[in-house]
């Protein structure tokens, strides 16, 4: 797993990730966790964990990991 931290840009539709994080998330040979801070720069300790899967093998592991993190952080998993 690769974890990357980003500063989320804002659009009219809400926060977005930049092109490097998007490319890495899409093309990496392993799961990628994109970690965004709150708008004030402090650590996010609650909220939503988003899971994006493809048609590649290993999706069960990605979903399982996300669900574990959701339980630990009392966060919604989507």
PDB file of N, CA and C in Angstrom:
ATOM      1  N   UNK A   1       0.840  -1.172   0.000  1.00  0.00           N
ATOM      2  CA  UNK A   1       0.000   0.000   0.000  1.00  0.00           C
ATOM      3  C   UNK A   1       0.886   1.235   0.000  1.00  0.00           C
ATOM      4  N   UNK A   2       0.443   2.229  -0.751  1.00  0.00           N
ATOM      5  CA  UNK A   2       1.098   3.532  -0.787  1.00  0.00           C
ATOM      6  C   UNK A   2       0.132   4.541  -0.183  1.00  0.00           C
ATOM      7  N   UNK A   3       0.614   5.334   0.769  1.00  0.00           N
ATOM      8  CA  UNK A   3      -0.192   6.410   1.353  1.00  0.00           C
ATOM      9  C   UNK A   3       0.421   7.737   0.932  1.00  0.00           C
ATOM     10  N   UNK A   4      -0.420   8.612   0.379  1.00  0.00           N
ATOM     11  CA  UNK A   4       0.069   9.930  -0.010  1.00  0.00           C
ATOM     12  C   UNK A   4      -0.784  10.995   0.657  1.00  0.00           C
ATOM     13  N   UNK A   5      -0.149  12.043   1.078  1.00  0.00           N
ATOM     14  CA  UNK A   5      -0.858  13.180   1.650  1.00  0.00           C
ATOM     15  C   UNK A   5      -0.992  14.265   0.602  1.00  0.00           C
ATOM     16  N   UNK A   6      -2.128  14.917   0.587  1.00  0.00           N
ATOM     17  CA  UNK A   6      -2.348  15.980  -0.389  1.00  0.00           C
ATOM     18  C   UNK A   6      -3.007  17.169   0.281  1.00  0.00           C
ATOM     19  N   UNK A   7      -2.936  18.279  -0.379  1.00  0.00           N
ATOM     20  CA  UNK A   7      -3.734  19.446  -0.018  1.00  0.00           C
ATOM     21  C   UNK A   7      -4.844  19.504  -1.049  1.00  0.00           C
ATOM     22  N   UNK A   8      -6.051  19.287  -0.629  1.00  0.00           N
ATOM     23  CA  UNK A   8      -7.177  19.216  -1.566  1.00  0.00           C
ATOM     24  C   UNK A   8      -7.516  20.589  -2.113  1.00  0.00           C
ATOM     25  N   UNK A   9      -7.672  20.651  -3.413  1.00  0.00           N
ATOM     26  CA  UNK A   9      -8.163  21.870  -4.054  1.00  0.00           C
ATOM     27  C   UNK A   9      -9.682  21.874  -3.953  1.00  0.00           C
ATOM     28  N   UNK A  10     -10.276  23.029  -4.061  1.00  0.00           N
ATOM     29  CA  UNK A  10     -11.732  23.147  -3.994  1.00  0.00           C
ATOM     30  C   UNK A  10     -12.285  23.496  -5.370  1.00  0.00           C
ATOM     31  N   UNK A  11     -13.410  22.905  -5.684  1.00  0.00           N
ATOM     32  CA  UNK A  11     -14.135  23.280  -6.895  1.00  0.00           C
ATOM     33  C   UNK A  11     -15.567  23.592  -6.490  1.00  0.00           C
ATOM     34  N   UNK A  12     -16.382  23.975  -7.442  1.00  0.00           N
ATOM     35  CA  UNK A  12     -17.790  24.245  -7.120  1.00  0.00           C
ATOM     36  C   UNK A  12     -18.495  22.986  -6.629  1.00  0.00           C
ATOM     37  N   UNK A  13     -17.977  21.822  -7.003  1.00  0.00           N
ATOM     38  CA  UNK A  13     -18.592  20.554  -6.612  1.00  0.00           C
ATOM     39  C   UNK A  13     -17.956  19.949  -5.370  1.00  0.00           C
ATOM     40  N   UNK A  14     -17.075  20.673  -4.702  1.00  0.00           N
ATOM     41  CA  UNK A  14     -16.438  20.161  -3.500  1.00  0.00           C
ATOM     42  C   UNK A  14     -14.958  19.905  -3.721  1.00  0.00           C
ATOM     43  N   UNK A  15     -14.306  19.216  -2.776  1.00  0.00           N
ATOM     44  CA  UNK A  15     -12.867  18.996  -2.877  1.00  0.00           C
ATOM     45  C   UNK A  15     -12.515  18.041  -4.012  1.00  0.00           C
ATOM     46  N   UNK A  16     -11.362  18.270  -4.605  1.00  0.00           N
ATOM     47  CA  UNK A  16     -10.855  17.400  -5.662  1.00  0.00           C
ATOM     48  C   UNK A  16      -9.391  17.103  -5.377  1.00  0.00           C
ATOM     49  N   UNK A  17      -8.890  16.003  -5.938  1.00  0.00           N
ATOM     50  CA  UNK A  17      -7.468  15.711  -5.805  1.00  0.00           C
ATOM     51  C   UNK A  17      -6.764  16.160  -7.077  1.00  0.00           C
ATOM     52  N   UNK A  18      -5.483  16.386  -6.966  1.00  0.00           N
ATOM     53  CA  UNK A  18      -4.707  16.860  -8.100  1.00  0.00           C
ATOM     54  C   UNK A  18      -4.378  15.752  -9.086  1.00  0.00           C
ATOM     55  N   UNK A  19      -3.771  16.114 -10.204  1.00  0.00           N
ATOM     56  CA  UNK A  19      -3.499  15.143 -11.263  1.00  0.00           C
ATOM     57  C   UNK A  19      -2.487  14.071 -10.866  1.00  0.00           C
ATOM     58  N   UNK A  20      -1.505  14.400 -10.039  1.00  0.00           N
ATOM     59  CA  UNK A  20      -0.511  13.402  -9.639  1.00  0.00           C
ATOM     60  C   UNK A  20      -1.157  12.342  -8.748  1.00  0.00           C
ATOM     61  N   UNK A  21      -1.938  12.773  -7.760  1.00  0.00           N
ATOM     62  CA  UNK A  21      -2.623  11.817  -6.885  1.00  0.00           C
ATOM     63  C   UNK A  21      -3.612  10.971  -7.675  1.00  0.00           C
ATOM     64  N   UNK A  22      -4.312  11.577  -8.614  1.00  0.00           N
ATOM     65  CA  UNK A  22      -5.268  10.828  -9.432  1.00  0.00           C
ATOM     66  C   UNK A  22      -4.549   9.786 -10.280  1.00  0.00           C
ATOM     67  N   UNK A  23      -3.443  10.167 -10.909  1.00  0.00           N
ATOM     68  CA  UNK A  23      -2.688   9.234 -11.745  1.00  0.00           C
ATOM     69  C   UNK A  23      -2.115   8.099 -10.911  1.00  0.00           C
ATOM     70  N   UNK A  24      -1.517   8.424  -9.773  1.00  0.00           N
ATOM     71  CA  UNK A  24      -0.959   7.393  -8.908  1.00  0.00           C
ATOM     72  C   UNK A  24      -2.048   6.441  -8.431  1.00  0.00           C
ATOM     73  N   UNK A  25      -3.187   6.958  -8.039  1.00  0.00           N
ATOM     74  CA  UNK A  25      -4.295   6.120  -7.580  1.00  0.00           C
ATOM     75  C   UNK A  25      -4.778   5.182  -8.675  1.00  0.00           C
ATOM     76  N   UNK A  26      -4.773   5.664  -9.887  1.00  0.00           N
ATOM     77  CA  UNK A  26      -5.282   4.885 -11.017  1.00  0.00           C
ATOM     78  C   UNK A  26      -4.262   3.858 -11.517  1.00  0.00           C
ATOM     79  N   UNK A  27      -2.979   4.199 -11.499  1.00  0.00           N
ATOM     80  CA  UNK A  27      -1.969   3.375 -12.162  1.00  0.00           C
ATOM     81  C   UNK A  27      -1.097   2.537 -11.232  1.00  0.00           C
ATOM     82  N   UNK A  28      -1.162   2.749  -9.934  1.00  0.00           N
ATOM     83  CA  UNK A  28      -0.285   2.028  -9.007  1.00  0.00           C
ATOM     84  C   UNK A  28      -0.570   0.532  -9.037  1.00  0.00           C
ATOM     85  N   UNK A  29       0.470  -0.249  -8.803  1.00  0.00           N
ATOM     86  CA  UNK A  29       0.338  -1.702  -8.781  1.00  0.00           C
ATOM     87  C   UNK A  29      -0.129  -2.210  -7.421  1.00  0.00           C
ATOM     88  N   UNK A  30      -0.416  -1.300  -6.494  1.00  0.00           N
ATOM     89  CA  UNK A  30      -0.878  -1.672  -5.163  1.00  0.00           C
ATOM     90  C   UNK A  30      -1.950  -0.676  -4.734  1.00  0.00           C
ATOM     91  N   UNK A  31      -2.659  -0.963  -3.641  1.00  0.00           N
ATOM     92  CA  UNK A  31      -3.650  -0.001  -3.148  1.00  0.00           C
ATOM     93  C   UNK A  31      -2.993   1.332  -2.780  1.00  0.00           C
ATOM     94  N   UNK A  32      -3.729   2.413  -2.977  1.00  0.00           N
ATOM     95  CA  UNK A  32      -3.249   3.761  -2.669  1.00  0.00           C
ATOM     96  C   UNK A  32      -4.245   4.428  -1.731  1.00  0.00           C
ATOM     97  N   UNK A  33      -3.748   4.967  -0.630  1.00  0.00           N
ATOM     98  CA  UNK A  33      -4.579   5.751   0.285  1.00  0.00           C
ATOM     99  C   UNK A  33      -4.229   7.218   0.082  1.00  0.00           C
ATOM    100  N   UNK A  34      -5.233   8.020  -0.254  1.00  0.00           N
ATOM    101  CA  UNK A  34      -5.042   9.459  -0.437  1.00  0.00           C
ATOM    102  C   UNK A  34      -5.562  10.139   0.823  1.00  0.00           C
ATOM    103  N   UNK A  35      -4.675  10.762   1.571  1.00  0.00           N
ATOM    104  CA  UNK A  35      -5.004  11.349   2.868  1.00  0.00           C
ATOM    105  C   UNK A  35      -5.082  12.865   2.713  1.00  0.00           C
ATOM    106  N   UNK A  36      -6.248  13.404   3.012  1.00  0.00           N
ATOM    107  CA  UNK A  36      -6.447  14.858   2.921  1.00  0.00           C
ATOM    108  C   UNK A  36      -6.638  15.442   4.313  1.00  0.00           C
ATOM    109  N   UNK A  37      -6.048  16.604   4.572  1.00  0.00           N
ATOM    110  CA  UNK A  37      -6.302  17.283   5.843  1.00  0.00           C
ATOM    111  C   UNK A  37      -7.624  18.039   5.776  1.00  0.00           C
ATOM    112  N   UNK A  38      -8.050  18.536   6.912  1.00  0.00           N
ATOM    113  CA  UNK A  38      -9.200  19.440   6.932  1.00  0.00           C
ATOM    114  C   UNK A  38      -8.801  20.743   6.243  1.00  0.00           C
ATOM    115  N   UNK A  39      -9.788  21.566   5.879  1.00  0.00           N
ATOM    116  CA  UNK A  39      -9.455  22.843   5.225  1.00  0.00           C
ATOM    117  C   UNK A  39      -8.510  23.730   6.038  1.00  0.00           C
ATOM    118  N   UNK A  40      -8.551  23.611   7.380  1.00  0.00           N
ATOM    119  CA  UNK A  40      -7.654  24.438   8.200  1.00  0.00           C
ATOM    120  C   UNK A  40      -6.268  23.812   8.366  1.00  0.00           C
ATOM    121  N   UNK A  41      -6.033  22.652   7.731  1.00  0.00           N
ATOM    122  CA  UNK A  41      -4.725  22.014   7.762  1.00  0.00           C
ATOM    123  C   UNK A  41      -4.533  21.009   8.873  1.00  0.00           C
ATOM    124  N   UNK A  42      -5.504  20.857   9.782  1.00  0.00           N
ATOM    125  CA  UNK A  42      -5.371  19.890  10.864  1.00  0.00           C
ATOM    126  C   UNK A  42      -5.714  18.491  10.364  1.00  0.00           C
ATOM    127  N   UNK A  43      -5.304  17.491  11.132  1.00  0.00           N
ATOM    128  CA  UNK A  43      -5.529  16.097  10.744  1.00  0.00           C
ATOM    129  C   UNK A  43      -7.010  15.750  10.753  1.00  0.00           C
ATOM    130  N   UNK A  44      -7.405  14.954   9.802  1.00  0.00           N
ATOM    131  CA  UNK A  44      -8.783  14.463   9.717  1.00  0.00           C
ATOM    132  C   UNK A  44      -8.888  13.217  10.589  1.00  0.00           C
ATOM    133  N   UNK A  45      -9.785  13.207  11.551  1.00  0.00           N
ATOM    134  CA  UNK A  45      -9.945  12.050  12.433  1.00  0.00           C
ATOM    135  C   UNK A  45     -11.327  11.423  12.321  1.00  0.00           C
ATOM    136  N   UNK A  46     -12.188  11.983  11.507  1.00  0.00           N
ATOM    137  CA  UNK A  46     -13.514  11.418  11.299  1.00  0.00           C
ATOM    138  C   UNK A  46     -13.906  11.693   9.853  1.00  0.00           C
ATOM    139  N   UNK A  47     -15.065  11.276   9.452  1.00  0.00           N
ATOM    140  CA  UNK A  47     -15.515  11.606   8.100  1.00  0.00           C
ATOM    141  C   UNK A  47     -15.806  10.386   7.271  1.00  0.00           C
ATOM    142  N   UNK A  48     -15.370  10.427   6.017  1.00  0.00           N
ATOM    143  CA  UNK A  48     -15.706   9.395   5.042  1.00  0.00           C
ATOM    144  C   UNK A  48     -14.433   8.789   4.472  1.00  0.00           C
ATOM    145  N   UNK A  49     -14.429   7.475   4.343  1.00  0.00           N
ATOM    146  CA  UNK A  49     -13.364   6.766   3.646  1.00  0.00           C
ATOM    147  C   UNK A  49     -13.949   6.323   2.315  1.00  0.00           C
ATOM    148  N   UNK A  50     -13.367   6.807   1.232  1.00  0.00           N
ATOM    149  CA  UNK A  50     -13.846   6.450  -0.105  1.00  0.00           C
ATOM    150  C   UNK A  50     -12.999   5.313  -0.650  1.00  0.00           C
ATOM    151  N   UNK A  51     -13.652   4.309  -1.211  1.00  0.00           N
ATOM    152  CA  UNK A  51     -12.959   3.164  -1.794  1.00  0.00           C
ATOM    153  C   UNK A  51     -13.263   3.140  -3.282  1.00  0.00           C
ATOM    154  N   UNK A  52     -12.215   3.138  -4.077  1.00  0.00           N
ATOM    155  CA  UNK A  52     -12.373   3.050  -5.526  1.00  0.00           C
ATOM    156  C   UNK A  52     -11.712   1.757  -5.969  1.00  0.00           C
ATOM    157  N   UNK A  53     -12.466   0.911  -6.640  1.00  0.00           N
ATOM    158  CA  UNK A  53     -11.929  -0.367  -7.103  1.00  0.00           C
ATOM    159  C   UNK A  53     -12.019  -0.445  -8.621  1.00  0.00           C
ATOM    160  N   UNK A  54     -11.226  -1.339  -9.168  1.00  0.00           N
ATOM    161  CA  UNK A  54     -11.227  -1.568 -10.612  1.00  0.00           C
ATOM    162  C   UNK A  54     -11.567  -3.031 -10.858  1.00  0.00           C
ATOM    163  N   UNK A  55     -11.372  -3.477 -12.068  1.00  0.00           N
ATOM    164  CA  UNK A  55     -11.655  -4.874 -12.376  1.00  0.00           C
ATOM    165  C   UNK A  55     -10.427  -5.759 -12.176  1.00  0.00           C
ATOM    166  N   UNK A  56      -9.420  -5.253 -11.498  1.00  0.00           N
ATOM    167  CA  UNK A  56      -8.207  -6.009 -11.221  1.00  0.00           C
ATOM    168  C   UNK A  56      -8.397  -6.898  -9.990  1.00  0.00           C
ATOM    169  N   UNK A  57      -7.622  -7.998  -9.907  1.00  0.00           N
ATOM    170  CA  UNK A  57      -7.677  -8.837  -8.700  1.00  0.00           C
ATOM    171  C   UNK A  57      -7.210  -8.040  -7.478  1.00  0.00           C
ATOM    172  N   UNK A  58      -7.636  -8.450  -6.320  1.00  0.00           N
ATOM    173  CA  UNK A  58      -7.195  -7.803  -5.096  1.00  0.00           C
ATOM    174  C   UNK A  58      -8.173  -6.805  -4.521  1.00  0.00           C
ATOM    175  N   UNK A  59      -9.316  -6.611  -5.168  1.00  0.00           N
ATOM    176  CA  UNK A  59     -10.291  -5.653  -4.652  1.00  0.00           C
ATOM    177  C   UNK A  59     -10.825  -6.054  -3.283  1.00  0.00           C
ATOM    178  N   UNK A  60     -10.937  -7.350  -3.031  1.00  0.00           N
ATOM    179  CA  UNK A  60     -11.419  -7.791  -1.721  1.00  0.00           C
ATOM    180  C   UNK A  60     -10.516  -7.266  -0.607  1.00  0.00           C
ATOM    181  N   UNK A  61      -9.202  -7.314  -0.831  1.00  0.00           N
ATOM    182  CA  UNK A  61      -8.259  -6.821   0.172  1.00  0.00           C
ATOM    183  C   UNK A  61      -8.417  -5.318   0.391  1.00  0.00           C
ATOM    184  N   UNK A  62      -8.618  -4.580  -0.687  1.00  0.00           N
ATOM    185  CA  UNK A  62      -8.775  -3.127  -0.591  1.00  0.00           C
ATOM    186  C   UNK A  62     -10.028  -2.780   0.206  1.00  0.00           C
ATOM    187  N   UNK A  63     -11.128  -3.434  -0.113  1.00  0.00           N
ATOM    188  CA  UNK A  63     -12.388  -3.170   0.589  1.00  0.00           C
ATOM    189  C   UNK A  63     -12.272  -3.590   2.055  1.00  0.00           C
ATOM    190  N   UNK A  64     -11.648  -4.730   2.307  1.00  0.00           N
ATOM    191  CA  UNK A  64     -11.468  -5.205   3.683  1.00  0.00           C
ATOM    192  C   UNK A  64     -10.656  -4.185   4.496  1.00  0.00           C
ATOM    193  N   UNK A  65      -9.567  -3.685   3.928  1.00  0.00           N
ATOM    194  CA  UNK A  65      -8.736  -2.699   4.618  1.00  0.00           C
ATOM    195  C   UNK A  65      -9.529  -1.431   4.905  1.00  0.00           C
ATOM    196  N   UNK A  66     -10.281  -0.959   3.922  1.00  0.00           N
ATOM    197  CA  UNK A  66     -11.084   0.255   4.109  1.00  0.00           C
ATOM    198  C   UNK A  66     -12.121   0.061   5.209  1.00  0.00           C
ATOM    199  N   UNK A  67     -12.754  -1.102   5.247  1.00  0.00           N
ATOM    200  CA  UNK A  67     -13.753  -1.367   6.283  1.00  0.00           C
ATOM    201  C   UNK A  67     -13.109  -1.401   7.666  1.00  0.00           C
ATOM    202  N   UNK A  68     -11.924  -1.992   7.766  1.00  0.00           N
ATOM    203  CA  UNK A  68     -11.211  -1.991   9.048  1.00  0.00           C
ATOM    204  C   UNK A  68     -10.919  -0.560   9.503  1.00  0.00           C
ATOM    205  N   UNK A  69     -10.417   0.263   8.595  1.00  0.00           N
ATOM    206  CA  UNK A  69     -10.108   1.648   8.939  1.00  0.00           C
ATOM    207  C   UNK A  69     -11.375   2.412   9.327  1.00  0.00           C
ATOM    208  N   UNK A  70     -12.467   2.144   8.636  1.00  0.00           N
ATOM    209  CA  UNK A  70     -13.733   2.787   8.969  1.00  0.00           C
ATOM    210  C   UNK A  70     -14.181   2.456  10.385  1.00  0.00           C
ATOM    211  N   UNK A  71     -14.027   1.186  10.763  1.00  0.00           N
ATOM    212  CA  UNK A  71     -14.391   0.784  12.133  1.00  0.00           C
ATOM    213  C   UNK A  71     -13.501   1.476  13.160  1.00  0.00           C
ATOM    214  N   UNK A  72     -12.205   1.497  12.897  1.00  0.00           N
ATOM    215  CA  UNK A  72     -11.262   2.114  13.833  1.00  0.00           C
ATOM    216  C   UNK A  72     -11.566   3.603  14.006  1.00  0.00           C
ATOM    217  N   UNK A  73     -11.878   4.283  12.903  1.00  0.00           N
ATOM    218  CA  UNK A  73     -12.048   5.737  12.911  1.00  0.00           C
ATOM    219  C   UNK A  73     -13.501   6.186  13.041  1.00  0.00           C
ATOM    220  N   UNK A  74     -14.415   5.211  13.180  1.00  0.00           N
ATOM    221  CA  UNK A  74     -15.848   5.530  13.253  1.00  0.00           C
ATOM    222  C   UNK A  74     -16.262   6.376  12.053  1.00  0.00           C
ATOM    223  N   UNK A  75     -15.778   5.980  10.885  1.00  0.00           N
ATOM    224  CA  UNK A  75     -16.027   6.731   9.652  1.00  0.00           C
ATOM    225  C   UNK A  75     -16.924   5.923   8.713  1.00  0.00           C
ATOM    226  N   UNK A  76     -17.664   6.625   7.895  1.00  0.00           N
ATOM    227  CA  UNK A  76     -18.468   6.008   6.847  1.00  0.00           C
ATOM    228  C   UNK A  76     -17.539   5.543   5.734  1.00  0.00           C
ATOM    229  N   UNK A  77     -17.796   4.359   5.196  1.00  0.00           N
ATOM    230  CA  UNK A  77     -17.023   3.843   4.061  1.00  0.00           C
ATOM    231  C   UNK A  77     -17.926   3.835   2.848  1.00  0.00           C
ATOM    232  N   UNK A  78     -17.472   4.470   1.774  1.00  0.00           N
ATOM    233  CA  UNK A  78     -18.240   4.510   0.520  1.00  0.00           C
ATOM    234  C   UNK A  78     -17.431   3.915  -0.591  1.00  0.00           C
TER     235      UNK A  78
END
